[in-house]
Amino acid sequence: MPDNQSTPIDIGRIKRVDRPGEVALPGDSAEPLGQAAAGMLRHLVFVLDREDRLESGTGDWLEELRGDGTAVTASVRAAVLRAVHMATDSINFRILEELAQSEGVTRATLAGRIGLAELSVSERVGDLVSAGLAVKVSEANQITGTAAGVALTEWVHSAVAAGTRTFTDGLA
């Protein structure tokens, strides 16, 4: 075989959805992830709009955003990628796994399960909350995963299981 060619590898088929460039993730994980990104952006927009109006702003920036579909899509894409990036950190992913397996845990319990100091866990949970992957319920002193956090952990587990099967079959 010439040096400039490689052995083709079958990476499987991805189910396409209605819009070009978009793919469906296993277990409908795309929907909750997109909704979490939209929710976080909506919250940020309302905070920024309130600050703008308190500072004698016009609110024109919000009207411009509403009319700019490209900017809206780019913002949502950035928020989704941020959430995925946040989840792919090995410690953050471990936190998401713990949250996906429970209906809510305290920071101290989570710190014990992860093996980190509570302050470190608190910082990481704050990041996951800001990405829409976890929720802190202060009144109950609980941290819980969101549908997006659970969907991402399920997606990774599915990908690992598929990869393990394929790799094991390739070793036979």
N, C-alpha and C. Protein backbone atom coordinates (compact mmCIF):
# COMPACT_ATOMS: atom_id res chain seq x y z
N MET A 1 0.85 -1.18 0.00
CA MET A 1 0.00 0.00 0.00
C MET A 1 0.90 1.24 0.00
N PRO A 2 0.62 2.25 -0.84
CA PRO A 2 1.43 3.46 -0.88
C PRO A 2 1.40 4.18 0.47
N ASP A 3 2.48 4.91 0.76
CA ASP A 3 2.62 5.61 2.04
C ASP A 3 1.56 6.68 2.27
N ASN A 4 0.98 7.25 1.21
CA ASN A 4 0.03 8.34 1.37
C ASN A 4 -1.40 7.87 1.61
N GLN A 5 -1.60 6.58 1.76
CA GLN A 5 -2.94 6.06 2.00
C GLN A 5 -2.99 5.42 3.38
N SER A 6 -4.17 5.43 3.96
CA SER A 6 -4.34 4.78 5.25
C SER A 6 -5.45 3.75 5.14
N THR A 7 -5.50 2.89 6.11
CA THR A 7 -6.53 1.88 6.14
C THR A 7 -7.84 2.52 6.56
N PRO A 8 -8.90 2.37 5.76
CA PRO A 8 -10.17 2.97 6.14
C PRO A 8 -10.72 2.30 7.40
N ILE A 9 -11.33 3.10 8.24
CA ILE A 9 -11.94 2.61 9.48
C ILE A 9 -13.42 2.92 9.44
N ASP A 10 -14.24 1.95 9.72
CA ASP A 10 -15.68 2.16 9.76
C ASP A 10 -16.04 2.83 11.08
N ILE A 11 -16.54 4.07 10.99
CA ILE A 11 -16.92 4.79 12.22
C ILE A 11 -18.43 4.77 12.44
N GLY A 12 -19.12 3.99 11.64
CA GLY A 12 -20.56 3.86 11.83
C GLY A 12 -21.33 4.97 11.13
N ARG A 13 -22.62 4.84 11.16
CA ARG A 13 -23.50 5.81 10.53
C ARG A 13 -24.17 6.66 11.60
N ILE A 14 -24.33 7.94 11.30
CA ILE A 14 -25.02 8.85 12.19
C ILE A 14 -26.36 9.19 11.55
N LYS A 15 -27.42 9.08 12.31
CA LYS A 15 -28.74 9.39 11.79
C LYS A 15 -28.85 10.89 11.53
N ARG A 16 -29.18 11.23 10.32
CA ARG A 16 -29.34 12.64 9.95
C ARG A 16 -30.74 13.10 10.31
N VAL A 17 -30.86 14.38 10.65
CA VAL A 17 -32.17 14.96 10.93
C VAL A 17 -32.55 15.90 9.80
N ASP A 18 -33.65 16.60 9.95
CA ASP A 18 -34.21 17.41 8.87
C ASP A 18 -33.28 18.49 8.33
N ARG A 19 -32.54 19.16 9.18
CA ARG A 19 -31.71 20.27 8.75
C ARG A 19 -30.29 19.82 8.43
N PRO A 20 -29.74 20.27 7.32
CA PRO A 20 -28.37 19.88 6.95
C PRO A 20 -27.38 20.32 8.03
N GLY A 21 -26.40 19.48 8.28
CA GLY A 21 -25.36 19.83 9.24
C GLY A 21 -25.68 19.44 10.66
N GLU A 22 -26.89 19.00 10.93
CA GLU A 22 -27.26 18.60 12.28
C GLU A 22 -27.37 17.09 12.33
N VAL A 23 -26.98 16.50 13.44
CA VAL A 23 -27.11 15.06 13.61
C VAL A 23 -27.87 14.79 14.89
N ALA A 24 -28.57 13.68 14.92
CA ALA A 24 -29.30 13.28 16.11
C ALA A 24 -28.36 12.48 17.00
N LEU A 25 -28.30 12.82 18.25
CA LEU A 25 -27.49 12.08 19.19
C LEU A 25 -28.32 10.96 19.80
N PRO A 26 -27.69 9.87 20.21
CA PRO A 26 -28.44 8.76 20.81
C PRO A 26 -29.23 9.22 22.03
N GLY A 27 -30.38 8.63 22.22
CA GLY A 27 -31.17 8.90 23.42
C GLY A 27 -31.73 10.31 23.47
N ASP A 28 -31.90 10.95 22.31
CA ASP A 28 -32.45 12.30 22.26
C ASP A 28 -31.71 13.28 23.16
N SER A 29 -30.39 13.13 23.28
CA SER A 29 -29.62 14.02 24.15
C SER A 29 -29.47 15.42 23.56
N ALA A 30 -29.70 15.56 22.27
CA ALA A 30 -29.55 16.88 21.66
C ALA A 30 -30.61 17.85 22.17
N GLU A 31 -31.82 17.39 22.34
CA GLU A 31 -32.92 18.26 22.76
C GLU A 31 -32.69 18.88 24.13
N PRO A 32 -32.41 18.09 25.18
CA PRO A 32 -32.19 18.73 26.48
C PRO A 32 -30.95 19.60 26.52
N LEU A 33 -29.93 19.26 25.75
CA LEU A 33 -28.73 20.08 25.71
C LEU A 33 -29.02 21.43 25.07
N GLY A 34 -29.75 21.42 23.97
CA GLY A 34 -30.14 22.66 23.31
C GLY A 34 -31.04 23.50 24.19
N GLN A 35 -31.98 22.86 24.88
CA GLN A 35 -32.87 23.59 25.78
C GLN A 35 -32.12 24.20 26.95
N ALA A 36 -31.13 23.48 27.49
CA ALA A 36 -30.33 24.02 28.59
C ALA A 36 -29.53 25.23 28.11
N ALA A 37 -28.95 25.13 26.93
CA ALA A 37 -28.19 26.26 26.38
C ALA A 37 -29.10 27.46 26.19
N ALA A 38 -30.29 27.23 25.64
CA ALA A 38 -31.24 28.32 25.43
C ALA A 38 -31.67 28.94 26.75
N GLY A 39 -31.91 28.11 27.75
CA GLY A 39 -32.31 28.63 29.06
C GLY A 39 -31.24 29.49 29.70
N MET A 40 -29.99 29.05 29.61
CA MET A 40 -28.89 29.82 30.18
C MET A 40 -28.72 31.14 29.42
N LEU A 41 -28.83 31.10 28.11
CA LEU A 41 -28.71 32.32 27.32
C LEU A 41 -29.86 33.28 27.59
N ARG A 42 -31.06 32.74 27.73
CA ARG A 42 -32.23 33.57 28.03
C ARG A 42 -32.03 34.31 29.35
N HIS A 43 -31.53 33.58 30.35
CA HIS A 43 -31.26 34.20 31.65
C HIS A 43 -30.22 35.31 31.50
N LEU A 44 -29.16 35.04 30.78
CA LEU A 44 -28.11 36.03 30.57
C LEU A 44 -28.64 37.26 29.84
N VAL A 45 -29.46 37.05 28.82
CA VAL A 45 -30.05 38.16 28.07
C VAL A 45 -30.89 39.04 28.99
N PHE A 46 -31.70 38.42 29.84
CA PHE A 46 -32.55 39.21 30.73
C PHE A 46 -31.72 40.00 31.74
N VAL A 47 -30.64 39.39 32.24
CA VAL A 47 -29.76 40.10 33.17
C VAL A 47 -29.09 41.28 32.47
N LEU A 48 -28.55 41.03 31.28
CA LEU A 48 -27.89 42.11 30.53
C LEU A 48 -28.87 43.21 30.14
N ASP A 49 -30.07 42.82 29.77
CA ASP A 49 -31.08 43.82 29.40
C ASP A 49 -31.45 44.67 30.62
N ARG A 50 -31.59 44.04 31.76
CA ARG A 50 -31.93 44.80 32.97
C ARG A 50 -30.80 45.77 33.32
N GLU A 51 -29.55 45.28 33.25
CA GLU A 51 -28.41 46.16 33.52
C GLU A 51 -28.38 47.31 32.53
N ASP A 52 -28.63 47.02 31.27
CA ASP A 52 -28.63 48.05 30.23
C ASP A 52 -29.68 49.12 30.54
N ARG A 53 -30.86 48.69 30.90
CA ARG A 53 -31.95 49.65 31.17
C ARG A 53 -31.70 50.43 32.46
N LEU A 54 -31.06 49.81 33.46
CA LEU A 54 -30.73 50.52 34.69
C LEU A 54 -29.67 51.59 34.45
N GLU A 55 -28.86 51.38 33.45
CA GLU A 55 -27.79 52.33 33.13
C GLU A 55 -28.23 53.29 32.02
N SER A 56 -29.52 53.52 31.92
CA SER A 56 -30.11 54.42 30.92
C SER A 56 -29.86 53.96 29.49
N GLY A 57 -29.77 52.66 29.32
CA GLY A 57 -29.61 52.11 27.97
C GLY A 57 -30.92 52.13 27.22
N THR A 58 -30.86 51.84 25.97
CA THR A 58 -32.05 51.89 25.12
C THR A 58 -32.70 50.54 24.93
N GLY A 59 -31.96 49.46 25.16
CA GLY A 59 -32.49 48.13 24.88
C GLY A 59 -32.42 47.78 23.41
N ASP A 60 -31.82 48.67 22.61
CA ASP A 60 -31.73 48.42 21.17
C ASP A 60 -30.94 47.15 20.85
N TRP A 61 -29.93 46.86 21.65
CA TRP A 61 -29.10 45.67 21.40
C TRP A 61 -29.95 44.41 21.42
N LEU A 62 -30.95 44.36 22.32
CA LEU A 62 -31.80 43.17 22.41
C LEU A 62 -32.68 43.04 21.18
N GLU A 63 -33.20 44.14 20.70
CA GLU A 63 -34.01 44.10 19.48
C GLU A 63 -33.16 43.66 18.28
N GLU A 64 -31.92 44.14 18.24
CA GLU A 64 -31.01 43.73 17.17
C GLU A 64 -30.74 42.22 17.24
N LEU A 65 -30.53 41.73 18.47
CA LEU A 65 -30.29 40.29 18.65
C LEU A 65 -31.49 39.48 18.19
N ARG A 66 -32.68 39.91 18.60
CA ARG A 66 -33.90 39.19 18.21
C ARG A 66 -34.05 39.10 16.70
N GLY A 67 -33.59 40.12 15.98
CA GLY A 67 -33.72 40.15 14.53
C GLY A 67 -32.57 39.52 13.78
N ASP A 68 -31.56 39.05 14.50
CA ASP A 68 -30.37 38.50 13.86
C ASP A 68 -30.29 36.99 14.12
N GLY A 69 -30.91 36.22 13.24
CA GLY A 69 -30.92 34.76 13.41
C GLY A 69 -29.53 34.16 13.42
N THR A 70 -28.61 34.73 12.67
CA THR A 70 -27.24 34.22 12.65
C THR A 70 -26.58 34.39 14.00
N ALA A 71 -26.77 35.55 14.63
CA ALA A 71 -26.19 35.80 15.95
C ALA A 71 -26.82 34.89 17.01
N VAL A 72 -28.12 34.67 16.90
CA VAL A 72 -28.80 33.78 17.85
C VAL A 72 -28.25 32.36 17.72
N THR A 73 -28.16 31.87 16.50
CA THR A 73 -27.64 30.51 16.27
C THR A 73 -26.20 30.40 16.76
N ALA A 74 -25.38 31.40 16.47
CA ALA A 74 -23.99 31.38 16.91
C ALA A 74 -23.90 31.38 18.43
N SER A 75 -24.76 32.12 19.09
CA SER A 75 -24.77 32.16 20.56
C SER A 75 -25.17 30.82 21.14
N VAL A 76 -26.20 30.21 20.58
CA VAL A 76 -26.63 28.89 21.06
C VAL A 76 -25.55 27.85 20.80
N ARG A 77 -24.94 27.89 19.63
CA ARG A 77 -23.85 26.96 19.31
C ARG A 77 -22.72 27.10 20.32
N ALA A 78 -22.34 28.33 20.63
CA ALA A 78 -21.26 28.56 21.60
C ALA A 78 -21.65 28.04 22.98
N ALA A 79 -22.91 28.21 23.37
CA ALA A 79 -23.36 27.73 24.68
C ALA A 79 -23.38 26.21 24.73
N VAL A 80 -23.81 25.57 23.65
CA VAL A 80 -23.82 24.10 23.60
C VAL A 80 -22.38 23.57 23.66
N LEU A 81 -21.50 24.18 22.88
CA LEU A 81 -20.10 23.74 22.89
C LEU A 81 -19.45 23.96 24.25
N ARG A 82 -19.82 25.04 24.92
CA ARG A 82 -19.29 25.30 26.27
C ARG A 82 -19.75 24.20 27.22
N ALA A 83 -21.01 23.82 27.13
CA ALA A 83 -21.53 22.76 28.00
C ALA A 83 -20.82 21.44 27.72
N VAL A 84 -20.65 21.12 26.46
CA VAL A 84 -19.96 19.87 26.11
C VAL A 84 -18.52 19.93 26.59
N HIS A 85 -17.86 21.05 26.38
CA HIS A 85 -16.48 21.21 26.86
C HIS A 85 -16.42 21.05 28.38
N MET A 86 -17.36 21.66 29.07
CA MET A 86 -17.41 21.58 30.53
C MET A 86 -17.58 20.12 30.97
N ALA A 87 -18.43 19.39 30.27
CA ALA A 87 -18.71 18.00 30.64
C ALA A 87 -17.56 17.06 30.34
N THR A 88 -16.70 17.42 29.40
CA THR A 88 -15.64 16.50 29.01
C THR A 88 -14.42 16.55 29.92
N ASP A 89 -14.37 17.49 30.83
CA ASP A 89 -13.32 17.46 31.85
C ASP A 89 -13.58 16.22 32.71
N SER A 90 -12.55 15.41 32.95
CA SER A 90 -12.76 14.12 33.61
C SER A 90 -13.35 14.27 35.02
N ILE A 91 -12.96 15.27 35.76
CA ILE A 91 -13.53 15.44 37.11
C ILE A 91 -14.96 15.95 37.02
N ASN A 92 -15.20 16.91 36.13
CA ASN A 92 -16.57 17.39 35.94
C ASN A 92 -17.49 16.27 35.48
N PHE A 93 -16.97 15.41 34.60
CA PHE A 93 -17.78 14.29 34.13
C PHE A 93 -18.11 13.35 35.28
N ARG A 94 -17.15 13.12 36.14
CA ARG A 94 -17.38 12.27 37.33
C ARG A 94 -18.47 12.89 38.21
N ILE A 95 -18.45 14.20 38.37
CA ILE A 95 -19.49 14.89 39.13
C ILE A 95 -20.85 14.70 38.45
N LEU A 96 -20.89 14.86 37.14
CA LEU A 96 -22.15 14.66 36.41
C LEU A 96 -22.67 13.24 36.55
N GLU A 97 -21.76 12.27 36.53
CA GLU A 97 -22.18 10.88 36.73
C GLU A 97 -22.83 10.70 38.10
N GLU A 98 -22.20 11.27 39.12
CA GLU A 98 -22.77 11.17 40.48
C GLU A 98 -24.13 11.84 40.54
N LEU A 99 -24.25 13.00 39.93
CA LEU A 99 -25.52 13.72 39.95
C LEU A 99 -26.60 12.97 39.16
N ALA A 100 -26.20 12.31 38.09
CA ALA A 100 -27.16 11.56 37.28
C ALA A 100 -27.70 10.34 38.02
N GLN A 101 -26.93 9.84 38.99
CA GLN A 101 -27.33 8.64 39.72
C GLN A 101 -28.12 8.94 40.98
N SER A 102 -28.30 10.21 41.29
CA SER A 102 -29.03 10.55 42.51
C SER A 102 -30.04 11.65 42.22
N GLU A 103 -30.97 11.82 43.14
CA GLU A 103 -31.96 12.87 42.98
C GLU A 103 -31.48 14.17 43.61
N GLY A 104 -30.33 14.15 44.20
CA GLY A 104 -29.75 15.33 44.82
C GLY A 104 -28.79 14.92 45.91
N VAL A 105 -27.67 15.60 45.98
CA VAL A 105 -26.67 15.31 47.00
C VAL A 105 -26.16 16.62 47.58
N THR A 106 -25.63 16.56 48.78
CA THR A 106 -25.01 17.74 49.36
C THR A 106 -23.61 17.90 48.77
N ARG A 107 -23.08 19.09 48.91
CA ARG A 107 -21.72 19.35 48.44
C ARG A 107 -20.73 18.46 49.18
N ALA A 108 -20.94 18.27 50.49
CA ALA A 108 -20.03 17.43 51.29
C ALA A 108 -20.06 15.98 50.81
N THR A 109 -21.25 15.46 50.55
CA THR A 109 -21.38 14.09 50.05
C THR A 109 -20.70 13.95 48.70
N LEU A 110 -20.96 14.91 47.82
CA LEU A 110 -20.37 14.88 46.50
C LEU A 110 -18.83 14.96 46.59
N ALA A 111 -18.33 15.81 47.46
CA ALA A 111 -16.88 15.94 47.64
C ALA A 111 -16.29 14.61 48.09
N GLY A 112 -16.97 13.94 49.02
CA GLY A 112 -16.48 12.64 49.49
C GLY A 112 -16.47 11.60 48.39
N ARG A 113 -17.50 11.57 47.59
CA ARG A 113 -17.59 10.59 46.50
C ARG A 113 -16.55 10.85 45.40
N ILE A 114 -16.28 12.12 45.13
CA ILE A 114 -15.34 12.48 44.07
C ILE A 114 -13.90 12.45 44.57
N GLY A 115 -13.73 12.69 45.87
CA GLY A 115 -12.38 12.72 46.43
C GLY A 115 -11.71 14.08 46.31
N LEU A 116 -12.50 15.13 46.32
CA LEU A 116 -11.99 16.49 46.26
C LEU A 116 -12.45 17.26 47.48
N ALA A 117 -11.76 18.36 47.76
CA ALA A 117 -12.18 19.26 48.83
C ALA A 117 -13.51 19.91 48.43
N GLU A 118 -14.30 20.27 49.44
CA GLU A 118 -15.61 20.88 49.16
C GLU A 118 -15.49 22.16 48.34
N LEU A 119 -14.44 22.94 48.60
CA LEU A 119 -14.25 24.19 47.84
C LEU A 119 -14.04 23.89 46.36
N SER A 120 -13.23 22.90 46.05
CA SER A 120 -13.01 22.51 44.65
C SER A 120 -14.28 22.01 44.00
N VAL A 121 -15.03 21.21 44.74
CA VAL A 121 -16.31 20.71 44.22
C VAL A 121 -17.27 21.87 43.99
N SER A 122 -17.28 22.81 44.93
CA SER A 122 -18.17 23.96 44.80
C SER A 122 -17.84 24.78 43.54
N GLU A 123 -16.57 24.99 43.26
CA GLU A 123 -16.17 25.71 42.06
C GLU A 123 -16.60 24.98 40.80
N ARG A 124 -16.38 23.68 40.78
CA ARG A 124 -16.73 22.88 39.60
C ARG A 124 -18.24 22.82 39.42
N VAL A 125 -18.97 22.67 40.50
CA VAL A 125 -20.43 22.65 40.41
C VAL A 125 -20.93 24.00 39.89
N GLY A 126 -20.31 25.08 40.35
CA GLY A 126 -20.67 26.41 39.84
C GLY A 126 -20.51 26.50 38.33
N ASP A 127 -19.41 25.94 37.83
CA ASP A 127 -19.19 25.91 36.38
C ASP A 127 -20.27 25.09 35.68
N LEU A 128 -20.58 23.93 36.25
CA LEU A 128 -21.60 23.07 35.64
C LEU A 128 -22.98 23.72 35.67
N VAL A 129 -23.26 24.45 36.75
CA VAL A 129 -24.53 25.19 36.84
C VAL A 129 -24.56 26.27 35.75
N SER A 130 -23.46 26.99 35.58
CA SER A 130 -23.43 28.07 34.58
C SER A 130 -23.58 27.54 33.16
N ALA A 131 -23.26 26.26 32.96
CA ALA A 131 -23.40 25.65 31.63
C ALA A 131 -24.75 24.94 31.47
N GLY A 132 -25.58 24.96 32.51
CA GLY A 132 -26.90 24.33 32.43
C GLY A 132 -26.89 22.83 32.64
N LEU A 133 -25.80 22.29 33.23
CA LEU A 133 -25.69 20.85 33.41
C LEU A 133 -26.02 20.39 34.83
N ALA A 134 -26.10 21.33 35.75
CA ALA A 134 -26.42 21.02 37.15
C ALA A 134 -27.22 22.18 37.74
N VAL A 135 -27.84 21.89 38.88
CA VAL A 135 -28.64 22.90 39.58
C VAL A 135 -28.32 22.81 41.06
N LYS A 136 -28.15 23.98 41.69
CA LYS A 136 -28.00 24.03 43.14
C LYS A 136 -29.34 24.45 43.73
N VAL A 137 -29.84 23.66 44.66
CA VAL A 137 -31.07 23.98 45.35
C VAL A 137 -30.68 24.38 46.76
N SER A 138 -30.46 25.67 46.95
CA SER A 138 -29.91 26.18 48.21
C SER A 138 -30.79 25.85 49.40
N GLU A 139 -32.11 25.96 49.24
CA GLU A 139 -33.02 25.71 50.36
C GLU A 139 -32.88 24.29 50.92
N ALA A 140 -32.57 23.35 50.05
CA ALA A 140 -32.45 21.95 50.47
C ALA A 140 -30.99 21.52 50.62
N ASN A 141 -30.06 22.45 50.41
CA ASN A 141 -28.64 22.15 50.45
C ASN A 141 -28.33 20.95 49.56
N GLN A 142 -28.87 20.99 48.34
CA GLN A 142 -28.72 19.88 47.41
C GLN A 142 -28.20 20.36 46.07
N ILE A 143 -27.48 19.48 45.41
CA ILE A 143 -27.04 19.69 44.03
C ILE A 143 -27.63 18.55 43.23
N THR A 144 -28.16 18.86 42.08
CA THR A 144 -28.75 17.83 41.24
C THR A 144 -28.38 18.07 39.79
N GLY A 145 -28.45 17.03 39.00
CA GLY A 145 -28.17 17.16 37.58
C GLY A 145 -29.40 17.64 36.83
N THR A 146 -29.18 18.24 35.68
CA THR A 146 -30.28 18.65 34.81
C THR A 146 -30.48 17.58 33.74
N ALA A 147 -31.54 17.72 32.97
CA ALA A 147 -31.78 16.80 31.86
C ALA A 147 -30.61 16.82 30.89
N ALA A 148 -30.02 18.00 30.68
CA ALA A 148 -28.87 18.10 29.76
C ALA A 148 -27.66 17.37 30.33
N GLY A 149 -27.41 17.50 31.62
CA GLY A 149 -26.29 16.80 32.24
C GLY A 149 -26.46 15.30 32.17
N VAL A 150 -27.66 14.84 32.44
CA VAL A 150 -27.95 13.40 32.37
C VAL A 150 -27.82 12.92 30.93
N ALA A 151 -28.35 13.68 29.98
CA ALA A 151 -28.28 13.27 28.57
C ALA A 151 -26.84 13.17 28.10
N LEU A 152 -26.01 14.11 28.51
CA LEU A 152 -24.60 14.05 28.11
C LEU A 152 -23.89 12.85 28.72
N THR A 153 -24.18 12.53 29.98
CA THR A 153 -23.53 11.36 30.58
C THR A 153 -24.02 10.08 29.89
N GLU A 154 -25.30 10.02 29.58
CA GLU A 154 -25.82 8.84 28.88
C GLU A 154 -25.19 8.72 27.49
N TRP A 155 -25.01 9.85 26.81
CA TRP A 155 -24.41 9.84 25.48
C TRP A 155 -22.97 9.33 25.55
N VAL A 156 -22.20 9.81 26.54
CA VAL A 156 -20.82 9.35 26.68
C VAL A 156 -20.80 7.86 27.02
N HIS A 157 -21.66 7.42 27.92
CA HIS A 157 -21.70 6.00 28.28
C HIS A 157 -22.05 5.14 27.06
N SER A 158 -22.98 5.61 26.23
CA SER A 158 -23.34 4.88 25.01
C SER A 158 -22.17 4.81 24.05
N ALA A 159 -21.48 5.94 23.90
CA ALA A 159 -20.33 5.97 22.99
C ALA A 159 -19.21 5.06 23.50
N VAL A 160 -18.98 5.06 24.80
CA VAL A 160 -17.94 4.19 25.38
C VAL A 160 -18.31 2.72 25.20
N ALA A 161 -19.58 2.38 25.43
CA ALA A 161 -20.01 0.99 25.26
C ALA A 161 -19.85 0.55 23.80
N ALA A 162 -20.25 1.41 22.86
CA ALA A 162 -20.11 1.07 21.44
C ALA A 162 -18.64 0.94 21.06
N GLY A 163 -17.83 1.86 21.55
CA GLY A 163 -16.40 1.81 21.26
C GLY A 163 -15.74 0.59 21.87
N THR A 164 -16.13 0.23 23.08
CA THR A 164 -15.56 -0.95 23.73
C THR A 164 -15.91 -2.22 22.96
N ARG A 165 -17.18 -2.33 22.52
CA ARG A 165 -17.58 -3.49 21.72
C ARG A 165 -16.78 -3.56 20.43
N THR A 166 -16.66 -2.45 19.74
CA THR A 166 -15.93 -2.42 18.47
C THR A 166 -14.46 -2.72 18.67
N PHE A 167 -13.88 -2.15 19.70
CA PHE A 167 -12.46 -2.38 19.99
C PHE A 167 -12.22 -3.82 20.37
N THR A 168 -13.08 -4.38 21.22
CA THR A 168 -12.95 -5.78 21.65
C THR A 168 -13.10 -6.71 20.46
N ASP A 169 -14.08 -6.44 19.59
CA ASP A 169 -14.25 -7.26 18.39
C ASP A 169 -13.03 -7.18 17.50
N GLY A 170 -12.39 -6.02 17.44
CA GLY A 170 -11.21 -5.84 16.61
C GLY A 170 -9.98 -6.56 17.18
N LEU A 171 -10.01 -6.86 18.47
CA LEU A 171 -8.90 -7.57 19.10
C LEU A 171 -9.02 -9.08 18.95
N ALA A 172 -10.21 -9.53 18.58
CA ALA A 172 -10.45 -10.98 18.47
C ALA A 172 -9.75 -11.59 17.29
